[in-house]
Amino acid sequence: MTKQSDLMARWQNGVVLKRDVFSTIERGRFRTDRGEVDAVLRRLDEVPWWSAPLAKILFNREKRALAAAGGLGIATPLLAATSGALVRGWIDGVALHIAKPHGDLAY
């Protein structure tokens, strides 16, 4: 597992996408062994004490899912993880709450 300071040294801040009682999610750039890539950082360092237990459960669930799905090529790759932060790949597109697809029964 990566240390938090090592992970943050490879992270370049971009923009905060979401901040709530479960985590802070930022878009930015992450330096990998192959170069810099667009990425998303999820951090738990600013969650309130009362939501921290559930936030940690949700965080660990996402980390396990990304690690499992990454090998299958069906999700963004998990680029790095610590006990309180993870970095995953970024997929460019329009958020569903903005795109509002209509007429697609699968949606």
N, C-alpha and C. Protein backbone atom coordinates (compact mmCIF):
# COMPACT_ATOMS: atom_id res chain seq x y z
N MET A 1 0.85 -1.18 0.00
CA MET A 1 0.00 0.00 0.00
C MET A 1 0.89 1.24 0.00
N THR A 2 0.48 2.23 -0.71
CA THR A 2 1.20 3.48 -0.84
C THR A 2 0.99 4.33 0.42
N LYS A 3 2.00 5.09 0.80
CA LYS A 3 1.84 6.04 1.90
C LYS A 3 1.13 7.28 1.38
N GLN A 4 0.36 7.91 2.26
CA GLN A 4 -0.41 9.10 1.89
C GLN A 4 0.50 10.20 1.32
N SER A 5 1.65 10.42 1.93
CA SER A 5 2.54 11.49 1.47
C SER A 5 3.09 11.18 0.07
N ASP A 6 3.37 9.90 -0.22
CA ASP A 6 3.84 9.51 -1.55
C ASP A 6 2.76 9.74 -2.60
N LEU A 7 1.54 9.37 -2.25
CA LEU A 7 0.42 9.57 -3.18
C LEU A 7 0.22 11.05 -3.47
N MET A 8 0.20 11.87 -2.43
CA MET A 8 -0.05 13.30 -2.61
C MET A 8 1.10 14.00 -3.33
N ALA A 9 2.30 13.47 -3.23
CA ALA A 9 3.44 14.06 -3.96
C ALA A 9 3.29 13.86 -5.46
N ARG A 10 2.55 12.85 -5.87
CA ARG A 10 2.35 12.56 -7.29
C ARG A 10 1.05 13.17 -7.83
N TRP A 11 0.28 13.83 -6.95
CA TRP A 11 -1.02 14.41 -7.32
C TRP A 11 -0.89 15.89 -7.60
N GLN A 12 -1.51 16.35 -8.69
CA GLN A 12 -1.58 17.78 -9.02
C GLN A 12 -3.04 18.20 -8.99
N ASN A 13 -3.38 19.12 -8.08
CA ASN A 13 -4.77 19.55 -7.92
C ASN A 13 -5.33 20.15 -9.19
N GLY A 14 -6.61 19.90 -9.37
CA GLY A 14 -7.36 20.49 -10.46
C GLY A 14 -8.54 21.25 -9.89
N VAL A 15 -9.69 20.58 -9.84
CA VAL A 15 -10.91 21.21 -9.36
C VAL A 15 -11.65 20.23 -8.45
N VAL A 16 -12.28 20.76 -7.40
CA VAL A 16 -13.10 19.93 -6.52
C VAL A 16 -14.41 19.65 -7.23
N LEU A 17 -14.73 18.37 -7.39
CA LEU A 17 -15.98 17.96 -8.04
C LEU A 17 -17.12 17.82 -7.03
N LYS A 18 -16.77 17.36 -5.82
CA LYS A 18 -17.80 17.12 -4.81
C LYS A 18 -17.16 17.10 -3.44
N ARG A 19 -17.86 17.67 -2.48
CA ARG A 19 -17.43 17.58 -1.09
C ARG A 19 -18.70 17.38 -0.26
N ASP A 20 -18.74 16.27 0.47
CA ASP A 20 -19.89 16.01 1.33
C ASP A 20 -19.42 15.31 2.59
N VAL A 21 -20.34 14.74 3.36
CA VAL A 21 -19.98 14.12 4.64
C VAL A 21 -19.26 12.79 4.47
N PHE A 22 -19.14 12.29 3.22
CA PHE A 22 -18.49 11.01 2.98
C PHE A 22 -17.09 11.13 2.39
N SER A 23 -16.80 12.22 1.70
CA SER A 23 -15.46 12.37 1.11
C SER A 23 -15.37 13.68 0.34
N THR A 24 -14.15 13.97 -0.09
CA THR A 24 -13.89 15.05 -1.04
C THR A 24 -13.39 14.39 -2.30
N ILE A 25 -13.96 14.77 -3.45
CA ILE A 25 -13.55 14.21 -4.73
C ILE A 25 -13.04 15.34 -5.60
N GLU A 26 -11.82 15.17 -6.11
CA GLU A 26 -11.17 16.18 -6.93
C GLU A 26 -10.75 15.58 -8.27
N ARG A 27 -10.77 16.41 -9.29
CA ARG A 27 -10.21 16.03 -10.59
C ARG A 27 -8.86 16.73 -10.71
N GLY A 28 -7.90 16.02 -11.25
CA GLY A 28 -6.57 16.60 -11.42
C GLY A 28 -5.70 15.71 -12.28
N ARG A 29 -4.40 15.77 -12.04
CA ARG A 29 -3.42 14.97 -12.79
C ARG A 29 -2.64 14.13 -11.79
N PHE A 30 -2.29 12.91 -12.21
CA PHE A 30 -1.54 12.00 -11.36
C PHE A 30 -0.35 11.47 -12.13
N ARG A 31 0.80 11.52 -11.49
CA ARG A 31 2.04 11.06 -12.13
C ARG A 31 2.22 9.57 -11.87
N THR A 32 2.17 8.78 -12.94
CA THR A 32 2.41 7.35 -12.86
C THR A 32 3.81 7.05 -13.38
N ASP A 33 4.19 5.80 -13.37
CA ASP A 33 5.48 5.40 -13.93
C ASP A 33 5.55 5.65 -15.43
N ARG A 34 4.38 5.72 -16.08
CA ARG A 34 4.31 5.94 -17.54
C ARG A 34 4.06 7.39 -17.92
N GLY A 35 3.98 8.27 -16.94
CA GLY A 35 3.72 9.68 -17.22
C GLY A 35 2.48 10.16 -16.50
N GLU A 36 2.10 11.42 -16.76
CA GLU A 36 0.93 12.01 -16.12
C GLU A 36 -0.36 11.63 -16.84
N VAL A 37 -1.41 11.41 -16.04
CA VAL A 37 -2.72 11.06 -16.59
C VAL A 37 -3.79 11.88 -15.87
N ASP A 38 -4.92 12.10 -16.56
CA ASP A 38 -6.09 12.70 -15.92
C ASP A 38 -6.61 11.70 -14.89
N ALA A 39 -6.98 12.19 -13.72
CA ALA A 39 -7.38 11.28 -12.65
C ALA A 39 -8.35 11.95 -11.69
N VAL A 40 -8.89 11.12 -10.80
CA VAL A 40 -9.81 11.56 -9.75
C VAL A 40 -9.24 11.11 -8.41
N LEU A 41 -9.25 12.01 -7.45
CA LEU A 41 -8.77 11.72 -6.10
C LEU A 41 -9.95 11.74 -5.14
N ARG A 42 -10.13 10.67 -4.36
CA ARG A 42 -11.13 10.64 -3.29
C ARG A 42 -10.37 10.66 -1.97
N ARG A 43 -10.69 11.64 -1.11
CA ARG A 43 -10.01 11.79 0.18
C ARG A 43 -11.01 11.72 1.33
N LEU A 44 -10.56 11.15 2.44
CA LEU A 44 -11.41 11.06 3.62
C LEU A 44 -10.96 11.99 4.74
N ASP A 45 -9.94 12.79 4.51
CA ASP A 45 -9.35 13.57 5.59
C ASP A 45 -10.21 14.72 6.12
N GLU A 46 -11.29 15.07 5.44
CA GLU A 46 -12.13 16.18 5.91
C GLU A 46 -13.54 15.75 6.28
N VAL A 47 -13.78 14.45 6.44
CA VAL A 47 -15.14 14.01 6.80
C VAL A 47 -15.37 14.25 8.29
N PRO A 48 -16.60 14.60 8.66
CA PRO A 48 -16.92 14.80 10.08
C PRO A 48 -16.79 13.49 10.85
N TRP A 49 -16.52 13.59 12.12
CA TRP A 49 -16.32 12.39 12.95
C TRP A 49 -17.54 11.48 12.93
N TRP A 50 -18.74 12.05 12.87
CA TRP A 50 -19.95 11.25 12.97
C TRP A 50 -20.26 10.46 11.70
N SER A 51 -19.69 10.85 10.56
CA SER A 51 -19.92 10.09 9.33
C SER A 51 -18.70 9.26 8.94
N ALA A 52 -17.61 9.39 9.68
CA ALA A 52 -16.36 8.69 9.33
C ALA A 52 -16.50 7.17 9.25
N PRO A 53 -17.20 6.50 10.17
CA PRO A 53 -17.30 5.04 10.05
C PRO A 53 -17.97 4.59 8.74
N LEU A 54 -19.10 5.20 8.38
CA LEU A 54 -19.77 4.84 7.14
C LEU A 54 -18.95 5.27 5.93
N ALA A 55 -18.33 6.44 6.00
CA ALA A 55 -17.47 6.91 4.90
C ALA A 55 -16.35 5.91 4.64
N LYS A 56 -15.77 5.37 5.68
CA LYS A 56 -14.67 4.41 5.54
C LYS A 56 -15.17 3.11 4.89
N ILE A 57 -16.35 2.66 5.27
CA ILE A 57 -16.94 1.46 4.67
C ILE A 57 -17.16 1.67 3.18
N LEU A 58 -17.77 2.79 2.81
CA LEU A 58 -18.02 3.10 1.39
C LEU A 58 -16.72 3.24 0.62
N PHE A 59 -15.74 3.89 1.22
CA PHE A 59 -14.42 4.07 0.60
C PHE A 59 -13.76 2.72 0.33
N ASN A 60 -13.75 1.84 1.33
CA ASN A 60 -13.13 0.53 1.15
C ASN A 60 -13.86 -0.32 0.13
N ARG A 61 -15.18 -0.18 0.06
CA ARG A 61 -15.95 -0.91 -0.95
C ARG A 61 -15.56 -0.44 -2.36
N GLU A 62 -15.44 0.88 -2.53
CA GLU A 62 -15.03 1.41 -3.84
C GLU A 62 -13.62 0.94 -4.20
N LYS A 63 -12.72 0.97 -3.24
CA LYS A 63 -11.34 0.55 -3.49
C LYS A 63 -11.28 -0.91 -3.92
N ARG A 64 -12.02 -1.78 -3.24
CA ARG A 64 -12.05 -3.21 -3.63
C ARG A 64 -12.67 -3.40 -5.00
N ALA A 65 -13.75 -2.69 -5.29
CA ALA A 65 -14.42 -2.83 -6.59
C ALA A 65 -13.52 -2.36 -7.73
N LEU A 66 -12.85 -1.24 -7.54
CA LEU A 66 -11.94 -0.75 -8.59
C LEU A 66 -10.78 -1.71 -8.80
N ALA A 67 -10.25 -2.27 -7.73
CA ALA A 67 -9.14 -3.22 -7.85
C ALA A 67 -9.59 -4.47 -8.60
N ALA A 68 -10.79 -4.95 -8.31
CA ALA A 68 -11.31 -6.15 -8.98
C ALA A 68 -11.67 -5.89 -10.44
N ALA A 69 -12.34 -4.77 -10.69
CA ALA A 69 -12.80 -4.47 -12.05
C ALA A 69 -11.66 -4.00 -12.94
N GLY A 70 -10.62 -3.44 -12.35
CA GLY A 70 -9.50 -2.94 -13.14
C GLY A 70 -8.86 -4.03 -13.99
N GLY A 71 -8.73 -5.21 -13.44
CA GLY A 71 -8.15 -6.32 -14.19
C GLY A 71 -9.03 -6.80 -15.33
N LEU A 72 -10.31 -6.48 -15.26
CA LEU A 72 -11.26 -6.89 -16.30
C LEU A 72 -11.39 -5.84 -17.40
N GLY A 73 -10.87 -4.65 -17.17
CA GLY A 73 -10.95 -3.58 -18.15
C GLY A 73 -12.34 -2.98 -18.29
N ILE A 74 -13.16 -3.05 -17.24
CA ILE A 74 -14.53 -2.54 -17.32
C ILE A 74 -14.77 -1.31 -16.45
N ALA A 75 -13.72 -0.79 -15.86
CA ALA A 75 -13.86 0.39 -15.00
C ALA A 75 -12.59 1.22 -15.11
N THR A 76 -12.65 2.42 -14.56
CA THR A 76 -11.44 3.23 -14.53
C THR A 76 -10.41 2.51 -13.66
N PRO A 77 -9.15 2.60 -14.02
CA PRO A 77 -8.13 1.89 -13.23
C PRO A 77 -7.90 2.55 -11.87
N LEU A 78 -7.63 1.72 -10.88
CA LEU A 78 -7.19 2.20 -9.58
C LEU A 78 -5.70 2.46 -9.71
N LEU A 79 -5.30 3.72 -9.65
CA LEU A 79 -3.91 4.10 -9.88
C LEU A 79 -3.07 4.05 -8.61
N ALA A 80 -3.68 4.36 -7.47
CA ALA A 80 -2.97 4.33 -6.19
C ALA A 80 -4.01 4.39 -5.08
N ALA A 81 -3.64 3.83 -3.91
CA ALA A 81 -4.56 3.86 -2.78
C ALA A 81 -3.79 3.83 -1.47
N THR A 82 -4.34 4.52 -0.50
CA THR A 82 -3.86 4.46 0.88
C THR A 82 -5.06 4.15 1.74
N SER A 83 -4.90 4.21 3.04
CA SER A 83 -6.04 3.96 3.93
C SER A 83 -7.03 5.12 3.95
N GLY A 84 -6.62 6.30 3.42
CA GLY A 84 -7.51 7.45 3.46
C GLY A 84 -7.66 8.20 2.16
N ALA A 85 -7.09 7.67 1.08
CA ALA A 85 -7.21 8.33 -0.23
C ALA A 85 -7.03 7.30 -1.33
N LEU A 86 -7.69 7.54 -2.44
CA LEU A 86 -7.46 6.70 -3.62
C LEU A 86 -7.48 7.57 -4.86
N VAL A 87 -6.74 7.14 -5.85
CA VAL A 87 -6.68 7.83 -7.15
C VAL A 87 -7.11 6.84 -8.20
N ARG A 88 -8.09 7.23 -9.01
CA ARG A 88 -8.56 6.38 -10.10
C ARG A 88 -8.51 7.16 -11.39
N GLY A 89 -8.54 6.45 -12.49
CA GLY A 89 -8.52 7.10 -13.79
C GLY A 89 -9.76 7.95 -14.01
N TRP A 90 -9.67 8.82 -15.00
CA TRP A 90 -10.75 9.74 -15.35
C TRP A 90 -11.31 9.35 -16.71
N ILE A 91 -12.64 9.35 -16.83
CA ILE A 91 -13.30 9.14 -18.12
C ILE A 91 -13.96 10.45 -18.49
N ASP A 92 -13.57 11.02 -19.63
CA ASP A 92 -14.13 12.29 -20.07
C ASP A 92 -15.56 12.08 -20.56
N GLY A 93 -16.44 13.00 -20.25
CA GLY A 93 -17.81 12.91 -20.70
C GLY A 93 -18.68 13.93 -20.00
N VAL A 94 -19.98 13.84 -20.23
CA VAL A 94 -20.95 14.74 -19.62
C VAL A 94 -21.62 13.99 -18.48
N ALA A 95 -21.72 14.62 -17.32
CA ALA A 95 -22.39 14.00 -16.18
C ALA A 95 -23.84 13.70 -16.52
N LEU A 96 -24.35 12.57 -16.03
CA LEU A 96 -25.72 12.16 -16.36
C LEU A 96 -26.76 13.16 -15.88
N HIS A 97 -26.52 13.82 -14.75
CA HIS A 97 -27.51 14.78 -14.27
C HIS A 97 -27.57 16.01 -15.17
N ILE A 98 -26.57 16.21 -15.99
CA ILE A 98 -26.57 17.31 -16.95
C ILE A 98 -27.06 16.82 -18.32
N ALA A 99 -26.58 15.65 -18.74
CA ALA A 99 -26.93 15.10 -20.05
C ALA A 99 -28.41 14.72 -20.13
N LYS A 100 -28.98 14.20 -19.05
CA LYS A 100 -30.37 13.80 -18.97
C LYS A 100 -30.83 12.99 -20.19
N PRO A 101 -30.29 11.79 -20.37
CA PRO A 101 -30.71 10.97 -21.51
C PRO A 101 -32.20 10.64 -21.46
N HIS A 102 -32.86 10.75 -22.59
CA HIS A 102 -34.29 10.47 -22.68
C HIS A 102 -34.55 9.38 -23.71
N GLY A 103 -35.53 8.54 -23.45
CA GLY A 103 -35.92 7.52 -24.40
C GLY A 103 -35.06 6.27 -24.40
N ASP A 104 -34.06 6.19 -23.57
CA ASP A 104 -33.20 5.01 -23.52
C ASP A 104 -33.70 4.13 -22.38
N LEU A 105 -34.34 3.00 -22.71
CA LEU A 105 -34.90 2.13 -21.70
C LEU A 105 -33.83 1.55 -20.79
N ALA A 106 -32.61 1.39 -21.28
CA ALA A 106 -31.51 0.86 -20.46
C ALA A 106 -31.08 1.86 -19.40
N TYR A 107 -31.36 3.15 -19.63
CA TYR A 107 -30.97 4.16 -18.66
C TYR A 107 -31.94 4.10 -17.50
